[in-house]
Amino acid sequence: MEIIEFKEKALPLKNKLFRIARRLLNSYEEAEDALQEVYLKLWEKRDSFSEYKSIEAFAVTMIKNQCIDFLRKKSRTFSEIDEESMSGFSINPEKNFDNREMFEKINNIINQLPENQKLAMQMRDIEGFEIKEIADILQTSIGNVRVILSRARTEVRNILINKYKFNYEKN
């Protein structure tokens, strides 16, 4: 694979990979480092791209694994949602504060979930991945991804209701 083809296939994924790394590592600098490592590995594997159904799924798996390795080395967990993610929610400052507070609570709850649930929620609810893509990345079945997401969402909802006395009404 030539440089031009690599640029066409791999470089457009940069922003998505960075967002995933940024979310998982909660550090701009560490996300950049993880992204750089993944692009070096992608470059080294560029000649085997044809073996993969989706280069995007392959790259997302690589960034996920790179971040997990990074977290294991540092023995870190996820921390609160960052300021950038909170911008633009509401013009009303009071409502904006309430939204921020709620997101911090939800983020703290998500951080307590098992790793596969955290990753599945990140990919589906934040990045907008399809269930099939998540199944490929997590190397599991579509049904299992649905179960993982259901359990994660149920746990988040239960903690919000029980711990924070959040008034949850289904519409």
Foldseek 3Di string as FASTA:
>chain_A
DDPVVCCVQPVVCLVVLLVLLCQFQVDNVRSVVLSVVLVVVCVVCVVVVVVDPHVNLVSNLSSLVSSVVVCVVVVDFGAFDDPVVLPPPDPDVVVSVVVSVVSRLLRVQLRPDPPLLNSLCCCCVPVNDDLVSSCSSVVHDSVVSVVSPVVSVVSSVVCCCPVVVDDDDDD
